[in-house]
C-alpha atoms as a PDB file:
ATOM      1  CA  MET A   1      45.436 -79.619 -44.445  1.00  0.00           C
ATOM      2  CA  ARG A   2      48.127 -77.553 -46.067  1.00  0.00           C
ATOM      3  CA  TYR A   3      51.184 -79.445 -47.223  1.00  0.00           C
ATOM      4  CA  SER A   4      54.473 -78.053 -48.427  1.00  0.00           C
ATOM      5  CA  SER A   5      55.443 -78.637 -52.026  1.00  0.00           C
ATOM      6  CA  GLN A   6      58.719 -80.142 -50.836  1.00  0.00           C
ATOM      7  CA  THR A   7      58.981 -83.821 -51.754  1.00  0.00           C
ATOM      8  CA  ILE A   8      61.638 -86.335 -50.953  1.00  0.00           C
ATOM      9  CA  ALA A   9      64.164 -87.818 -53.296  1.00  0.00           C
ATOM     10  CA  GLY A  10      62.776 -90.475 -55.534  1.00  0.00           C
ATOM     11  CA  LEU A  11      60.851 -87.913 -57.513  1.00  0.00           C
ATOM     12  CA  PRO A  12      62.605 -86.467 -60.552  1.00  0.00           C
ATOM     13  CA  PRO A  13      66.421 -86.415 -60.204  1.00  0.00           C
ATOM     14  CA  GLY A  14      67.804 -83.406 -58.418  1.00  0.00           C
ATOM     15  CA  CYS A  15      64.927 -83.080 -55.954  1.00  0.00           C
ATOM     16  CA  LEU A  16      66.512 -81.744 -52.777  1.00  0.00           C
ATOM     17  CA  SER A  17      65.761 -82.636 -49.198  1.00  0.00           C
ATOM     18  CA  PRO A  18      64.996 -79.853 -46.722  1.00  0.00           C
ATOM     19  CA  ALA A  19      68.608 -80.115 -45.531  1.00  0.00           C
ATOM     20  CA  GLY A  20      69.777 -79.124 -49.003  1.00  0.00           C
ATOM     21  CA  GLY A  21      70.998 -82.512 -50.213  1.00  0.00           C
ATOM     22  CA  GLU A  22      69.350 -85.426 -51.942  1.00  0.00           C
ATOM     23  CA  VAL A  23      68.021 -88.171 -49.670  1.00  0.00           C
ATOM     24  CA  VAL A  24      69.942 -91.302 -50.646  1.00  0.00           C
ATOM     25  CA  TYR A  25      68.570 -94.750 -49.864  1.00  0.00           C
ATOM     26  CA  LYS A  26      70.461 -98.051 -49.867  1.00  0.00           C
ATOM     27  CA  LEU A  27      69.376-100.978 -52.002  1.00  0.00           C
ATOM     28  CA  VAL A  28      67.477-103.439 -49.828  1.00  0.00           C
ATOM     29  CA  ARG A  29      68.569-107.079 -49.890  1.00  0.00           C
ATOM     30  CA  THR A  30      66.973-108.886 -46.947  1.00  0.00           C
ATOM     31  CA  SER A  31      64.153-111.374 -46.494  1.00  0.00           C
ATOM     32  CA  ARG A  32      61.957-108.774 -44.747  1.00  0.00           C
ATOM     33  CA  LEU A  33      62.193-106.045 -47.303  1.00  0.00           C
ATOM     34  CA  TYR A  34      59.409-103.801 -46.090  1.00  0.00           C
ATOM     35  CA  GLU A  35      60.913-103.542 -42.598  1.00  0.00           C
ATOM     36  CA  GLN A  36      64.164-102.250 -44.060  1.00  0.00           C
ATOM     37  CA  ILE A  37      62.266 -99.667 -46.093  1.00  0.00           C
ATOM     38  CA  VAL A  38      60.423 -98.548 -42.972  1.00  0.00           C
ATOM     39  CA  GLN A  39      63.709 -98.277 -41.081  1.00  0.00           C
ATOM     40  CA  GLN A  40      65.338 -96.095 -43.725  1.00  0.00           C
ATOM     41  CA  ILE A  41      62.362 -93.737 -43.960  1.00  0.00           C
ATOM     42  CA  GLU A  42      62.207 -93.504 -40.166  1.00  0.00           C
ATOM     43  CA  GLU A  43      65.905 -92.599 -40.106  1.00  0.00           C
ATOM     44  CA  SER A  44      65.302 -89.883 -42.703  1.00  0.00           C
ATOM     45  CA  ILE A  45      62.565 -88.439 -40.478  1.00  0.00           C
ATOM     46  CA  VAL A  46      64.771 -88.534 -37.376  1.00  0.00           C
ATOM     47  CA  LYS A  47      67.646 -86.829 -39.218  1.00  0.00           C
ATOM     48  CA  GLY A  48      65.331 -84.119 -40.480  1.00  0.00           C
ATOM     49  CA  ASP A  49      65.748 -85.052 -44.129  1.00  0.00           C
ATOM     50  CA  LEU A  50      62.003 -85.618 -44.200  1.00  0.00           C
ATOM     51  CA  LYS A  51      59.677 -83.196 -42.451  1.00  0.00           C
ATOM     52  CA  ALA A  52      55.957 -82.936 -41.787  1.00  0.00           C
ATOM     53  CA  GLY A  53      54.149 -82.146 -45.027  1.00  0.00           C
ATOM     54  CA  ASP A  54      56.783 -83.670 -47.316  1.00  0.00           C
ATOM     55  CA  GLN A  55      55.292 -85.989 -49.893  1.00  0.00           C
ATOM     56  CA  LEU A  56      56.634 -89.472 -50.497  1.00  0.00           C
ATOM     57  CA  PRO A  57      57.343 -90.405 -54.110  1.00  0.00           C
ATOM     58  CA  ALA A  58      54.851 -92.544 -55.995  1.00  0.00           C
ATOM     59  CA  GLU A  59      54.832 -96.273 -55.282  1.00  0.00           C
ATOM     60  CA  ARG A  60      56.593 -97.120 -58.557  1.00  0.00           C
ATOM     61  CA  ASP A  61      59.321 -94.550 -57.916  1.00  0.00           C
ATOM     62  CA  LEU A  62      59.920 -95.813 -54.382  1.00  0.00           C
ATOM     63  CA  ALA A  63      60.178 -99.385 -55.654  1.00  0.00           C
ATOM     64  CA  GLN A  64      62.849 -98.324 -58.136  1.00  0.00           C
ATOM     65  CA  ARG A  65      64.680 -96.247 -55.546  1.00  0.00           C
ATOM     66  CA  PHE A  66      64.867 -99.124 -53.052  1.00  0.00           C
ATOM     67  CA  GLY A  67      65.327-101.862 -55.650  1.00  0.00           C
ATOM     68  CA  VAL A  68      62.310-103.840 -54.434  1.00  0.00           C
ATOM     69  CA  SER A  69      58.855-104.842 -55.619  1.00  0.00           C
ATOM     70  CA  ARG A  70      55.857-102.556 -55.363  1.00  0.00           C
ATOM     71  CA  THR A  71      54.325-105.085 -52.976  1.00  0.00           C
ATOM     72  CA  ALA A  72      57.153-104.471 -50.495  1.00  0.00           C
ATOM     73  CA  VAL A  73      56.656-100.725 -50.845  1.00  0.00           C
ATOM     74  CA  ARG A  74      52.923-101.035 -50.222  1.00  0.00           C
ATOM     75  CA  GLU A  75      53.564-103.053 -47.061  1.00  0.00           C
ATOM     76  CA  ALA A  76      56.131-100.506 -45.884  1.00  0.00           C
ATOM     77  CA  VAL A  77      53.749 -97.590 -46.433  1.00  0.00           C
ATOM     78  CA  LYS A  78      51.013 -99.504 -44.621  1.00  0.00           C
ATOM     79  CA  THR A  79      53.342-100.002 -41.646  1.00  0.00           C
ATOM     80  CA  LEU A  80      54.377 -96.344 -41.643  1.00  0.00           C
ATOM     81  CA  ARG A  81      50.728 -95.332 -41.712  1.00  0.00           C
ATOM     82  CA  GLU A  82      49.937 -97.636 -38.789  1.00  0.00           C
ATOM     83  CA  LYS A  83      52.782 -95.995 -36.858  1.00  0.00           C
ATOM     84  CA  GLY A  84      51.295 -92.597 -37.598  1.00  0.00           C
ATOM     85  CA  LEU A  85      54.353 -91.434 -39.528  1.00  0.00           C
ATOM     86  CA  VAL A  86      52.566 -90.977 -42.850  1.00  0.00           C
ATOM     87  CA  GLU A  87      49.023 -90.442 -44.035  1.00  0.00           C
ATOM     88  CA  ALA A  88      47.676 -91.397 -47.455  1.00  0.00           C
ATOM     89  CA  TYR A  89      45.100 -89.273 -49.266  1.00  0.00           C
ATOM     90  CA  SER A  90      43.338 -90.666 -52.317  1.00  0.00           C
ATOM     91  CA  GLY A  91      44.296 -88.741 -55.422  1.00  0.00           C
ATOM     92  CA  ARG A  92      46.874 -86.617 -53.579  1.00  0.00           C
ATOM     93  CA  GLY A  93      49.544 -89.026 -52.394  1.00  0.00           C
ATOM     94  CA  THR A  94      51.249 -90.031 -49.156  1.00  0.00           C
ATOM     95  CA  PHE A  95      52.614 -87.394 -46.799  1.00  0.00           C
ATOM     96  CA  ILE A  96      54.810 -87.296 -43.713  1.00  0.00           C
ATOM     97  CA  THR A  97      52.712 -86.375 -40.664  1.00  0.00           C
ATOM     98  CA  ASP A  98      53.704 -84.151 -37.773  1.00  0.00           C
ATOM     99  CA  GLY A  99      53.121 -86.994 -35.309  1.00  0.00           C
ATOM    100  CA  THR A 100      51.176 -84.807 -32.874  1.00  0.00           C
ATOM    101  CA  THR A 101      48.042 -86.934 -33.042  1.00  0.00           C
ATOM    102  CA  GLN A 102      49.685 -90.355 -32.956  1.00  0.00           C
ATOM    103  CA  ALA A 103      49.489 -90.899 -29.193  1.00  0.00           C
ATOM    104  CA  VAL A 104      45.834 -89.904 -29.236  1.00  0.00           C
ATOM    105  CA  ARG A 105      45.166 -92.115 -32.249  1.00  0.00           C
ATOM    106  CA  GLN A 106      46.783 -95.149 -30.648  1.00  0.00           C
ATOM    107  CA  SER A 107      44.949 -94.731 -27.350  1.00  0.00           C
ATOM    108  CA  LEU A 108      41.615 -94.241 -29.107  1.00  0.00           C
ATOM    109  CA  ASP A 109      42.189 -97.255 -31.342  1.00  0.00           C
ATOM    110  CA  LEU A 110      42.948 -99.402 -28.317  1.00  0.00           C
ATOM    111  CA  MET A 111      39.993 -98.049 -26.371  1.00  0.00           C
ATOM    112  CA  VAL A 112      37.513 -98.848 -29.119  1.00  0.00           C
ATOM    113  CA  LYS A 113      38.925-102.301 -29.827  1.00  0.00           C
ATOM    114  CA  ILE A 114      38.910-103.275 -26.155  1.00  0.00           C
ATOM    115  CA  GLY A 115      35.442-101.852 -25.596  1.00  0.00           C
ATOM    116  CA  GLN A 116      33.588-103.476 -28.499  1.00  0.00           C
ATOM    117  CA  PRO A 117      30.683-103.170 -29.031  1.00  0.00           C
ATOM    118  CA  GLU A 118      30.556-100.197 -26.680  1.00  0.00           C
ATOM    119  CA  GLY A 119      33.493 -98.661 -28.533  1.00  0.00           C
ATOM    120  CA  SER A 120      31.398 -98.245 -31.682  1.00  0.00           C
ATOM    121  CA  THR A 121      28.781 -96.414 -29.657  1.00  0.00           C
ATOM    122  CA  HIS A 122      31.451 -94.134 -28.218  1.00  0.00           C
ATOM    123  CA  LEU A 123      32.769 -93.367 -31.697  1.00  0.00           C
ATOM    124  CA  ALA A 124      29.252 -92.576 -32.911  1.00  0.00           C
ATOM    125  CA  GLU A 125      28.780 -90.164 -30.005  1.00  0.00           C
ATOM    126  CA  VAL A 126      32.071 -88.390 -30.715  1.00  0.00           C
ATOM    127  CA  ARG A 127      31.169 -88.001 -34.376  1.00  0.00           C
ATOM    128  CA  ALA A 128      27.705 -86.661 -33.455  1.00  0.00           C
ATOM    129  CA  ILE A 129      29.348 -84.008 -31.288  1.00  0.00           C
ATOM    130  CA  LEU A 130      32.042 -82.990 -33.758  1.00  0.00           C
ATOM    131  CA  GLU A 131      30.944 -83.418 -37.341  1.00  0.00           C
ATOM    132  CA  PRO A 132      27.654 -81.498 -37.584  1.00  0.00           C
ATOM    133  CA  GLU A 133      29.400 -78.392 -36.238  1.00  0.00           C
ATOM    134  CA  ILE A 134      32.394 -79.028 -38.494  1.00  0.00           C
ATOM    135  CA  ALA A 135      30.006 -79.034 -41.462  1.00  0.00           C
ATOM    136  CA  ALA A 136      28.353 -75.826 -40.257  1.00  0.00           C
ATOM    137  CA  LEU A 137      31.697 -74.052 -39.868  1.00  0.00           C
ATOM    138  CA  ALA A 138      32.871 -75.307 -43.239  1.00  0.00           C
ATOM    139  CA  ALA A 139      29.770 -73.857 -44.886  1.00  0.00           C
ATOM    140  CA  LEU A 140      30.931 -70.450 -43.672  1.00  0.00           C
ATOM    141  CA  ARG A 141      34.687 -70.765 -44.163  1.00  0.00           C
ATOM    142  CA  ILE A 142      35.525 -73.343 -46.807  1.00  0.00           C
ATOM    143  CA  GLN A 143      37.687 -72.340 -49.783  1.00  0.00           C
ATOM    144  CA  GLU A 144      37.668 -73.638 -53.335  1.00  0.00           C
ATOM    145  CA  PRO A 145      40.584 -76.124 -52.941  1.00  0.00           C
ATOM    146  CA  GLU A 146      38.732 -77.999 -50.186  1.00  0.00           C
ATOM    147  CA  LEU A 147      35.491 -77.907 -52.163  1.00  0.00           C
ATOM    148  CA  ALA A 148      37.334 -79.332 -55.160  1.00  0.00           C
ATOM    149  CA  THR A 149      38.650 -82.159 -52.992  1.00  0.00           C
ATOM    150  CA  MET A 150      35.154 -82.919 -51.735  1.00  0.00           C
ATOM    151  CA  ARG A 151      33.775 -82.967 -55.289  1.00  0.00           C
ATOM    152  CA  GLU A 152      36.539 -85.286 -56.455  1.00  0.00           C
ATOM    153  CA  ALA A 153      35.959 -87.573 -53.461  1.00  0.00           C
ATOM    154  CA  VAL A 154      32.256 -87.840 -54.324  1.00  0.00           C
ATOM    155  CA  ALA A 155      33.103 -88.608 -57.953  1.00  0.00           C
ATOM    156  CA  THR A 156      35.606 -91.265 -56.861  1.00  0.00           C
ATOM    157  CA  MET A 157      33.026 -92.921 -54.620  1.00  0.00           C
ATOM    158  CA  ASP A 158      30.551 -92.940 -57.525  1.00  0.00           C
ATOM    159  CA  ARG A 159      33.155 -94.748 -59.654  1.00  0.00           C
ATOM    160  CA  ALA A 160      34.324 -97.124 -56.937  1.00  0.00           C
ATOM    161  CA  GLY A 161      31.459 -99.574 -57.273  1.00  0.00           C
ATOM    162  CA  ARG A 162      32.135-102.529 -54.985  1.00  0.00           C
ATOM    163  CA  ASP A 163      35.796-101.668 -54.438  1.00  0.00           C
ATOM    164  CA  PRO A 164      35.929-101.022 -50.679  1.00  0.00           C
ATOM    165  CA  GLU A 165      39.452 -99.606 -50.544  1.00  0.00           C
ATOM    166  CA  THR A 166      38.804 -96.967 -53.208  1.00  0.00           C
ATOM    167  CA  TYR A 167      35.435 -96.027 -51.748  1.00  0.00           C
ATOM    168  CA  ILE A 168      36.608 -95.839 -48.146  1.00  0.00           C
ATOM    169  CA  GLU A 169      39.714 -93.758 -48.850  1.00  0.00           C
ATOM    170  CA  ALA A 170      37.621 -91.310 -50.879  1.00  0.00           C
ATOM    171  CA  ASP A 171      35.051 -91.237 -48.068  1.00  0.00           C
ATOM    172  CA  LEU A 172      37.774 -90.316 -45.586  1.00  0.00           C
ATOM    173  CA  ASP A 173      39.084 -87.659 -47.977  1.00  0.00           C
ATOM    174  CA  PHE A 174      35.597 -86.147 -48.126  1.00  0.00           C
ATOM    175  CA  HIS A 175      35.298 -85.803 -44.358  1.00  0.00           C
ATOM    176  CA  LEU A 176      38.876 -84.592 -43.882  1.00  0.00           C
ATOM    177  CA  ALA A 177      38.444 -81.962 -46.602  1.00  0.00           C
ATOM    178  CA  LEU A 178      35.321 -80.789 -44.801  1.00  0.00           C
ATOM    179  CA  ALA A 179      37.355 -80.523 -41.584  1.00  0.00           C
ATOM    180  CA  GLU A 180      40.034 -78.578 -43.464  1.00  0.00           C
ATOM    181  CA  GLY A 181      37.285 -76.272 -44.688  1.00  0.00           C
ATOM    182  CA  ALA A 182      36.372 -75.402 -41.105  1.00  0.00           C
ATOM    183  CA  ALA A 183      39.736 -73.581 -41.004  1.00  0.00           C
ATOM    184  CA  ASN A 184      40.530 -74.573 -37.433  1.00  0.00           C
ATOM    185  CA  PRO A 185      43.694 -76.662 -36.978  1.00  0.00           C
ATOM    186  CA  LEU A 186      42.501 -78.062 -33.640  1.00  0.00           C
ATOM    187  CA  ILE A 187      39.377 -79.457 -35.292  1.00  0.00           C
ATOM    188  CA  LEU A 188      41.446 -81.046 -38.028  1.00  0.00           C
ATOM    189  CA  SER A 189      43.802 -82.565 -35.465  1.00  0.00           C
ATOM    190  CA  LEU A 190      40.886 -84.021 -33.497  1.00  0.00           C
ATOM    191  CA  LEU A 191      39.318 -85.577 -36.572  1.00  0.00           C
ATOM    192  CA  ASP A 192      42.677 -86.813 -37.826  1.00  0.00           C
ATOM    193  CA  SER A 193      43.159 -88.611 -34.506  1.00  0.00           C
ATOM    194  CA  ILE A 194      40.187 -90.887 -35.230  1.00  0.00           C
ATOM    195  CA  VAL A 195      40.887 -91.568 -38.910  1.00  0.00           C
ATOM    196  CA  GLY A 196      41.981 -95.124 -38.134  1.00  0.00           C
ATOM    197  CA  LEU A 197      38.742 -95.759 -36.265  1.00  0.00           C
ATOM    198  CA  LEU A 198      36.698 -94.244 -39.070  1.00  0.00           C
ATOM    199  CA  ARG A 199      38.432 -96.497 -41.591  1.00  0.00           C
ATOM    200  CA  GLU A 200      37.622 -99.590 -39.502  1.00  0.00           C
ATOM    201  CA  GLN A 201      34.014 -98.489 -39.102  1.00  0.00           C
ATOM    202  CA  ARG A 202      33.619 -98.080 -42.851  1.00  0.00           C
ATOM    203  CA  LEU A 203      35.207-101.458 -43.528  1.00  0.00           C
ATOM    204  CA  ARG A 204      32.668-103.097 -41.234  1.00  0.00           C
ATOM    205  CA  ILE A 205      29.624-101.475 -42.838  1.00  0.00           C
ATOM    206  CA  PHE A 206      30.711-101.422 -46.493  1.00  0.00           C
ATOM    207  CA  ASN A 207      28.979-104.715 -47.258  1.00  0.00           C
ATOM    208  CA  VAL A 208      25.686-103.764 -45.623  1.00  0.00           C
ATOM    209  CA  PRO A 209      23.227-103.896 -48.558  1.00  0.00           C
ATOM    210  CA  GLY A 210      22.713-100.418 -49.937  1.00  0.00           C
ATOM    211  CA  GLY A 211      25.109 -98.861 -47.413  1.00  0.00           C
ATOM    212  CA  PRO A 212      27.545 -97.169 -49.816  1.00  0.00           C
ATOM    213  CA  GLU A 213      24.665 -95.933 -51.973  1.00  0.00           C
ATOM    214  CA  ARG A 214      22.891 -94.409 -48.977  1.00  0.00           C
ATOM    215  CA  GLY A 215      26.144 -92.843 -47.882  1.00  0.00           C
ATOM    216  CA  GLN A 216      26.559 -91.207 -51.272  1.00  0.00           C
ATOM    217  CA  VAL A 217      23.089 -89.673 -51.108  1.00  0.00           C
ATOM    218  CA  HIS A 218      24.091 -88.004 -47.858  1.00  0.00           C
ATOM    219  CA  HIS A 219      27.541 -86.984 -49.102  1.00  0.00           C
ATOM    220  CA  LYS A 220      25.989 -85.167 -52.046  1.00  0.00           C
ATOM    221  CA  ARG A 221      23.483 -83.396 -49.810  1.00  0.00           C
ATOM    222  CA  ILE A 222      26.269 -82.266 -47.473  1.00  0.00           C
ATOM    223  CA  LEU A 223      28.339 -81.030 -50.397  1.00  0.00           C
ATOM    224  CA  GLU A 224      25.393 -79.118 -51.854  1.00  0.00           C
ATOM    225  CA  ALA A 225      24.682 -77.421 -48.513  1.00  0.00           C
ATOM    226  CA  VAL A 226      28.316 -76.420 -48.083  1.00  0.00           C
ATOM    227  CA  GLU A 227      28.546 -75.131 -51.649  1.00  0.00           C
ATOM    228  CA  ARG A 228      25.481 -72.975 -50.993  1.00  0.00           C
ATOM    229  CA  ARG A 229      27.056 -71.666 -47.776  1.00  0.00           C
ATOM    230  CA  ASP A 230      23.976 -72.866 -45.877  1.00  0.00           C
ATOM    231  CA  GLU A 231      25.232 -73.328 -42.332  1.00  0.00           C
ATOM    232  CA  GLU A 232      22.083 -74.882 -40.847  1.00  0.00           C
ATOM    233  CA  LYS A 233      21.465 -77.176 -43.815  1.00  0.00           C
ATOM    234  CA  ALA A 234      25.042 -78.414 -43.628  1.00  0.00           C
ATOM    235  CA  ARG A 235      24.555 -79.199 -39.942  1.00  0.00           C
ATOM    236  CA  GLN A 236      21.265 -81.022 -40.598  1.00  0.00           C
ATOM    237  CA  THR A 237      22.539 -83.069 -43.533  1.00  0.00           C
ATOM    238  CA  MET A 238      25.567 -84.202 -41.551  1.00  0.00           C
ATOM    239  CA  ARG A 239      23.333 -85.291 -38.678  1.00  0.00           C
ATOM    240  CA  ALA A 240      21.228 -87.285 -41.127  1.00  0.00           C
ATOM    241  CA  HIS A 241      24.350 -88.900 -42.562  1.00  0.00           C
ATOM    242  CA  LEU A 242      25.600 -89.906 -39.125  1.00  0.00           C
ATOM    243  CA  GLY A 243      22.191 -91.422 -38.404  1.00  0.00           C
ATOM    244  CA  GLN A 244      22.522 -93.531 -41.551  1.00  0.00           C
ATOM    245  CA  VAL A 245      26.022 -94.639 -40.510  1.00  0.00           C
ATOM    246  CA  ARG A 246      24.724 -95.541 -37.041  1.00  0.00           C
ATOM    247  CA  ASP A 247      21.903 -97.642 -38.513  1.00  0.00           C
ATOM    248  CA  ASP A 248      24.242 -99.428 -40.911  1.00  0.00           C
ATOM    249  CA  SER A 249      26.688-100.086 -38.063  1.00  0.00           C
ATOM    250  CA  GLN A 250      23.906-101.673 -36.021  1.00  0.00           C
ATOM    251  CA  GLU A 251      22.906-103.877 -38.956  1.00  0.00           C
ATOM    252  CA  SER A 252      26.524-104.911 -39.496  1.00  0.00           C
ATOM    253  CA  ALA A 253      26.918-105.762 -35.805  1.00  0.00           C
ATOM    254  CA  THR A 254      23.737-107.848 -35.900  1.00  0.00           C
ATOM    255  CA  LYS A 255      25.061-109.870 -38.839  1.00  0.00           C
ATOM    256  CA  ARG A 256      28.359-110.488 -37.055  1.00  0.00           C
ATOM    257  CA  ALA A 257      26.486-111.712 -33.970  1.00  0.00           C
ATOM    258  CA  PRO A 258      23.537-113.722 -35.395  1.00  0.00           C
ATOM    259  CA  GLY A 259      22.414-114.783 -31.934  1.00  0.00           C
ATOM    260  CA  LYS A 260      21.521-111.202 -31.049  1.00  0.00           C
ATOM    261  CA  ARG A 261      18.452-109.401 -32.248  1.00  0.00           C
ATOM    262  CA  LYS A 262      18.745-105.900 -33.629  1.00  0.00           C
ATOM    263  CA  THR A 263      17.378-103.311 -31.236  1.00  0.00           C
ATOM    264  CA  LYS A 264      16.243 -99.827 -32.149  1.00  0.00           C
END
């Protein structure tokens, strides 16, 4: 995904908004601080002061700008992300989205939650259709910036240990960078529409014994195939990875429902 270098005020003084003036926020002094932060950022988006691709300042800078704690800022960013107004990328920051996938994301989220456990099966089928071909296309088209992101994501997952948030965000970065490497904006939009579902899936299976380690084996194989520009190997390694995710999801579901036996 290509983002503009334009960032909103709250970065170094003098940073200009797209409209040509600095975005000015009011100090927040209410009991529900994060909601007021969300409201002000939403207003900036509506007015056009913030546009798709603009990067939000770092958490510390936003806290200083609004005169609140970093906890309030984190909650505000979480809310904005749930609304589909921003997306966070590990190691890169938080960016304003274009909003085009939000309706799809919300409907898919609802569909999967209502349809559990069938919803997990549906998600697995969608991934099996999309991601092996995404990997194959990326092997042919990917550029160095996306490869660098994938390498950094793998390194971050290696360092994450038992920290689920760090691991999962890096995992998502890996798959989104691969989609970016396919150089087809429709593919990226489709995958972006299920990011919330992918995050939930990873949260459920993170504590399956050996799950993250198995995932990393597959991530490294996918990366190697893409680096070698091996289209068929990239397709095969992604299929193997999705099989591992499916198996771990089944094991996780069995643990959550101890009265049911695991079926293969």
